[in-house]
C-alpha cells in the first residue's frame, strides 16, 4: 500500500529558526556591513542560519565550513552575541564556535555541506555555495542583483 501526501512538504529555511524581528535585524546589518542588496542579504542570512543549525545539531562543526558568501551571514549572526548565544543554547545546548579556515573552501566540501543541509530538511540555495550546475557569474553566483 502506498500513501501519498496531499500536499508536498515544503523544505525548511534558516530564516524559520529565528523570529521575524531578529531575522530582519540580521538582514539589515548584513546588507549594510557587506554592501549587499537586501534580497541577497536575506538569502545569505537564511543559508547561514540553516548551516549553523546543521553544524550544531549534528555536532559537525569541525567538518563543515561556509562558502565565502554564507560566511558573511554567520559573522553577522555572531556579532549579535546575545541573540546568537541564546539561539545556540536553545537549539542544541551549546555555543557553536566559529573556527575560520578559508583555505579549505573547495567545491567538493561545499557540495558536501549543501548535501548535509538538505539531509536535515532545509532548502539550500546552491548559488551561494558555488555548487549550482549552471553558474553564470556574476548573474547567478550571489554577487549579482537579486540572484
C-alpha atoms as a PDB file:
ATOM      1  CA  UNK A   1       0.000   0.000   0.000  1.00  0.00           C
ATOM      2  CA  UNK A   2       1.316   3.437  -0.954  1.00  0.00           C
ATOM      3  CA  UNK A   3       0.422   6.535   0.995  1.00  0.00           C
ATOM      4  CA  UNK A   4       0.573   9.819  -0.872  1.00  0.00           C
ATOM      5  CA  UNK A   5       0.723  13.163   0.829  1.00  0.00           C
ATOM      6  CA  UNK A   6      -1.993  15.569  -0.159  1.00  0.00           C
ATOM      7  CA  UNK A   7       0.427  18.478  -0.040  1.00  0.00           C
ATOM      8  CA  UNK A   8       4.136  18.266  -0.643  1.00  0.00           C
ATOM      9  CA  UNK A   9       6.199  19.138   2.408  1.00  0.00           C
ATOM     10  CA  UNK A  10       7.975  22.436   1.944  1.00  0.00           C
ATOM     11  CA  UNK A  11      11.670  22.325   2.865  1.00  0.00           C
ATOM     12  CA  UNK A  12      12.650  24.418   5.855  1.00  0.00           C
ATOM     13  CA  UNK A  13      14.643  27.605   5.572  1.00  0.00           C
ATOM     14  CA  UNK A  14      17.109  29.002   8.059  1.00  0.00           C
ATOM     15  CA  UNK A  15      15.030  32.117   8.459  1.00  0.00           C
ATOM     16  CA  UNK A  16      12.310  29.947  10.028  1.00  0.00           C
ATOM     17  CA  UNK A  17      14.598  29.196  13.009  1.00  0.00           C
ATOM     18  CA  UNK A  18      14.634  32.741  14.382  1.00  0.00           C
ATOM     19  CA  UNK A  19      11.926  35.301  14.992  1.00  0.00           C
ATOM     20  CA  UNK A  20      10.941  37.506  12.050  1.00  0.00           C
ATOM     21  CA  UNK A  21      12.169  40.528  14.030  1.00  0.00           C
ATOM     22  CA  UNK A  22      15.615  39.037  14.628  1.00  0.00           C
ATOM     23  CA  UNK A  23      15.868  37.884  11.024  1.00  0.00           C
ATOM     24  CA  UNK A  24      15.040  41.393   9.822  1.00  0.00           C
ATOM     25  CA  UNK A  25      17.718  42.933  12.068  1.00  0.00           C
ATOM     26  CA  UNK A  26      20.308  40.423  10.880  1.00  0.00           C
ATOM     27  CA  UNK A  27      19.446  41.056   7.230  1.00  0.00           C
ATOM     28  CA  UNK A  28      19.630  44.830   7.674  1.00  0.00           C
ATOM     29  CA  UNK A  29      23.058  44.528   9.301  1.00  0.00           C
ATOM     30  CA  UNK A  30      24.352  42.025   6.729  1.00  0.00           C
ATOM     31  CA  UNK A  31      23.210  44.195   3.824  1.00  0.00           C
ATOM     32  CA  UNK A  32      24.790  47.307   5.316  1.00  0.00           C
ATOM     33  CA  UNK A  33      28.010  45.695   6.560  1.00  0.00           C
ATOM     34  CA  UNK A  34      28.752  43.727   3.383  1.00  0.00           C
ATOM     35  CA  UNK A  35      27.239  46.081   0.790  1.00  0.00           C
ATOM     36  CA  UNK A  36      24.613  43.579  -0.337  1.00  0.00           C
ATOM     37  CA  UNK A  37      21.207  44.243  -1.782  1.00  0.00           C
ATOM     38  CA  UNK A  38      18.546  43.303   0.733  1.00  0.00           C
ATOM     39  CA  UNK A  39      17.275  40.386  -1.351  1.00  0.00           C
ATOM     40  CA  UNK A  40      20.782  38.894  -1.458  1.00  0.00           C
ATOM     41  CA  UNK A  41      21.353  39.551   2.260  1.00  0.00           C
ATOM     42  CA  UNK A  42      18.108  37.668   3.021  1.00  0.00           C
ATOM     43  CA  UNK A  43      19.345  34.611   1.132  1.00  0.00           C
ATOM     44  CA  UNK A  44      22.813  34.800   2.709  1.00  0.00           C
ATOM     45  CA  UNK A  45      21.407  35.116   6.219  1.00  0.00           C
ATOM     46  CA  UNK A  46      18.917  32.297   5.800  1.00  0.00           C
ATOM     47  CA  UNK A  47      21.636  29.963   4.492  1.00  0.00           C
ATOM     48  CA  UNK A  48      23.974  30.890   7.338  1.00  0.00           C
ATOM     49  CA  UNK A  49      21.345  30.144   9.973  1.00  0.00           C
ATOM     50  CA  UNK A  50      20.490  26.794   8.363  1.00  0.00           C
ATOM     51  CA  UNK A  51      24.178  25.866   8.162  1.00  0.00           C
ATOM     52  CA  UNK A  52      24.771  26.818  11.803  1.00  0.00           C
ATOM     53  CA  UNK A  53      21.784  24.757  12.859  1.00  0.00           C
ATOM     54  CA  UNK A  54      23.001  21.699  10.965  1.00  0.00           C
ATOM     55  CA  UNK A  55      26.532  22.117  12.297  1.00  0.00           C
ATOM     56  CA  UNK A  56      25.282  22.405  15.871  1.00  0.00           C
ATOM     57  CA  UNK A  57      22.528  19.792  15.779  1.00  0.00           C
ATOM     58  CA  UNK A  58      24.750  17.161  14.139  1.00  0.00           C
ATOM     59  CA  UNK A  59      27.913  18.178  16.014  1.00  0.00           C
ATOM     60  CA  UNK A  60      29.672  18.573  12.661  1.00  0.00           C
ATOM     61  CA  UNK A  61      31.160  21.999  13.329  1.00  0.00           C
ATOM     62  CA  UNK A  62      34.692  20.789  12.638  1.00  0.00           C
ATOM     63  CA  UNK A  63      33.703  19.050   9.404  1.00  0.00           C
ATOM     64  CA  UNK A  64      31.715  21.814   7.744  1.00  0.00           C
ATOM     65  CA  UNK A  65      32.606  25.282   6.522  1.00  0.00           C
ATOM     66  CA  UNK A  66      30.630  28.111   4.969  1.00  0.00           C
ATOM     67  CA  UNK A  67      31.186  29.428   1.489  1.00  0.00           C
ATOM     68  CA  UNK A  68      32.666  32.911   1.321  1.00  0.00           C
ATOM     69  CA  UNK A  69      29.193  34.358   0.724  1.00  0.00           C
ATOM     70  CA  UNK A  70      27.498  32.422   3.535  1.00  0.00           C
ATOM     71  CA  UNK A  71      30.325  33.248   5.951  1.00  0.00           C
ATOM     72  CA  UNK A  72      29.127  36.872   5.918  1.00  0.00           C
ATOM     73  CA  UNK A  73      25.798  35.702   7.321  1.00  0.00           C
ATOM     74  CA  UNK A  74      27.452  33.664  10.065  1.00  0.00           C
ATOM     75  CA  UNK A  75      29.629  36.644  11.029  1.00  0.00           C
ATOM     76  CA  UNK A  76      26.524  38.807  11.140  1.00  0.00           C
ATOM     77  CA  UNK A  77      24.727  36.371  13.439  1.00  0.00           C
ATOM     78  CA  UNK A  78      27.731  36.022  15.745  1.00  0.00           C
ATOM     79  CA  UNK A  79      28.090  39.789  16.043  1.00  0.00           C
ATOM     80  CA  UNK A  80      24.647  39.806  17.615  1.00  0.00           C
ATOM     81  CA  UNK A  81      26.231  37.951  20.518  1.00  0.00           C
ATOM     82  CA  UNK A  82      23.362  37.788  22.974  1.00  0.00           C
ATOM     83  CA  UNK A  83      20.897  36.511  20.386  1.00  0.00           C
ATOM     84  CA  UNK A  84      23.421  34.086  18.871  1.00  0.00           C
ATOM     85  CA  UNK A  85      24.450  32.612  22.241  1.00  0.00           C
ATOM     86  CA  UNK A  86      20.822  32.205  23.326  1.00  0.00           C
ATOM     87  CA  UNK A  87      19.856  30.635  19.989  1.00  0.00           C
ATOM     88  CA  UNK A  88      22.758  28.159  20.151  1.00  0.00           C
ATOM     89  CA  UNK A  89      21.855  27.132  23.713  1.00  0.00           C
ATOM     90  CA  UNK A  90      18.163  26.707  22.865  1.00  0.00           C
ATOM     91  CA  UNK A  91      18.783  24.967  19.534  1.00  0.00           C
ATOM     92  CA  UNK A  92      21.407  22.395  20.507  1.00  0.00           C
ATOM     93  CA  UNK A  93      22.570  23.049  24.042  1.00  0.00           C
ATOM     94  CA  UNK A  94      25.989  24.579  23.478  1.00  0.00           C
ATOM     95  CA  UNK A  95      27.716  27.566  21.897  1.00  0.00           C
ATOM     96  CA  UNK A  96      28.768  26.861  18.316  1.00  0.00           C
ATOM     97  CA  UNK A  97      32.171  28.450  17.838  1.00  0.00           C
ATOM     98  CA  UNK A  98      33.430  29.768  14.525  1.00  0.00           C
ATOM     99  CA  UNK A  99      36.821  28.324  13.670  1.00  0.00           C
ATOM    100  CA  UNK A 100      37.728  30.064  10.404  1.00  0.00           C
ATOM    101  CA  UNK A 101      39.751  28.245   7.798  1.00  0.00           C
ATOM    102  CA  UNK A 102      39.155  29.785   4.384  1.00  0.00           C
ATOM    103  CA  UNK A 103      41.815  27.579   2.792  1.00  0.00           C
ATOM    104  CA  UNK A 104      39.524  24.541   2.874  1.00  0.00           C
ATOM    105  CA  UNK A 105      36.732  26.018   0.729  1.00  0.00           C
ATOM    106  CA  UNK A 106      36.669  23.548  -2.131  1.00  0.00           C
ATOM    107  CA  UNK A 107      33.780  22.739  -4.428  1.00  0.00           C
ATOM    108  CA  UNK A 108      33.750  19.192  -3.000  1.00  0.00           C
ATOM    109  CA  UNK A 109      33.432  20.484   0.573  1.00  0.00           C
ATOM    110  CA  UNK A 110      30.753  22.995  -0.405  1.00  0.00           C
ATOM    111  CA  UNK A 111      28.818  20.201  -2.168  1.00  0.00           C
ATOM    112  CA  UNK A 112      29.096  18.082   0.991  1.00  0.00           C
ATOM    113  CA  UNK A 113      27.857  20.961   3.162  1.00  0.00           C
ATOM    114  CA  UNK A 114      24.898  21.565   0.831  1.00  0.00           C
ATOM    115  CA  UNK A 115      24.112  17.832   0.987  1.00  0.00           C
ATOM    116  CA  UNK A 116      24.161  17.878   4.790  1.00  0.00           C
ATOM    117  CA  UNK A 117      21.892  20.917   4.885  1.00  0.00           C
ATOM    118  CA  UNK A 118      19.407  19.253   2.521  1.00  0.00           C
ATOM    119  CA  UNK A 119      19.575  15.989   4.506  1.00  0.00           C
ATOM    120  CA  UNK A 120      18.298  17.912   7.538  1.00  0.00           C
ATOM    121  CA  UNK A 121      15.233  19.054   5.570  1.00  0.00           C
ATOM    122  CA  UNK A 122      16.411  22.514   4.585  1.00  0.00           C
ATOM    123  CA  UNK A 123      16.182  24.112   1.199  1.00  0.00           C
ATOM    124  CA  UNK A 124      19.679  25.083   0.052  1.00  0.00           C
ATOM    125  CA  UNK A 125      20.454  27.938  -2.314  1.00  0.00           C
ATOM    126  CA  UNK A 126      23.293  26.295  -4.217  1.00  0.00           C
ATOM    127  CA  UNK A 127      24.186  29.558  -5.937  1.00  0.00           C
ATOM    128  CA  UNK A 128      25.556  30.821  -2.609  1.00  0.00           C
ATOM    129  CA  UNK A 129      27.746  27.750  -2.231  1.00  0.00           C
ATOM    130  CA  UNK A 130      29.335  27.737  -5.681  1.00  0.00           C
ATOM    131  CA  UNK A 131      27.721  24.381  -6.450  1.00  0.00           C
ATOM    132  CA  UNK A 132      24.968  25.451  -8.852  1.00  0.00           C
ATOM    133  CA  UNK A 133      25.077  23.377 -12.004  1.00  0.00           C
ATOM    134  CA  UNK A 134      24.819  26.328 -14.330  1.00  0.00           C
ATOM    135  CA  UNK A 135      26.574  29.176 -12.612  1.00  0.00           C
ATOM    136  CA  UNK A 136      26.997  32.202 -14.838  1.00  0.00           C
ATOM    137  CA  UNK A 137      28.931  34.841 -12.897  1.00  0.00           C
ATOM    138  CA  UNK A 138      28.030  37.410 -11.817  1.00  0.00           C
ATOM    139  CA  UNK A 139      24.346  36.942 -12.603  1.00  0.00           C
ATOM    140  CA  UNK A 140      23.679  33.836 -10.516  1.00  0.00           C
ATOM    141  CA  UNK A 141      26.586  33.293  -8.156  1.00  0.00           C
ATOM    142  CA  UNK A 142      25.410  35.552  -5.343  1.00  0.00           C
ATOM    143  CA  UNK A 143      27.149  38.681  -6.482  1.00  0.00           C
ATOM    144  CA  UNK A 144      24.570  39.842  -8.991  1.00  0.00           C
ATOM    145  CA  UNK A 145      21.439  41.786  -8.058  1.00  0.00           C
ATOM    146  CA  UNK A 146      18.687  39.650  -6.524  1.00  0.00           C
ATOM    147  CA  UNK A 147      20.149  36.375  -7.760  1.00  0.00           C
END
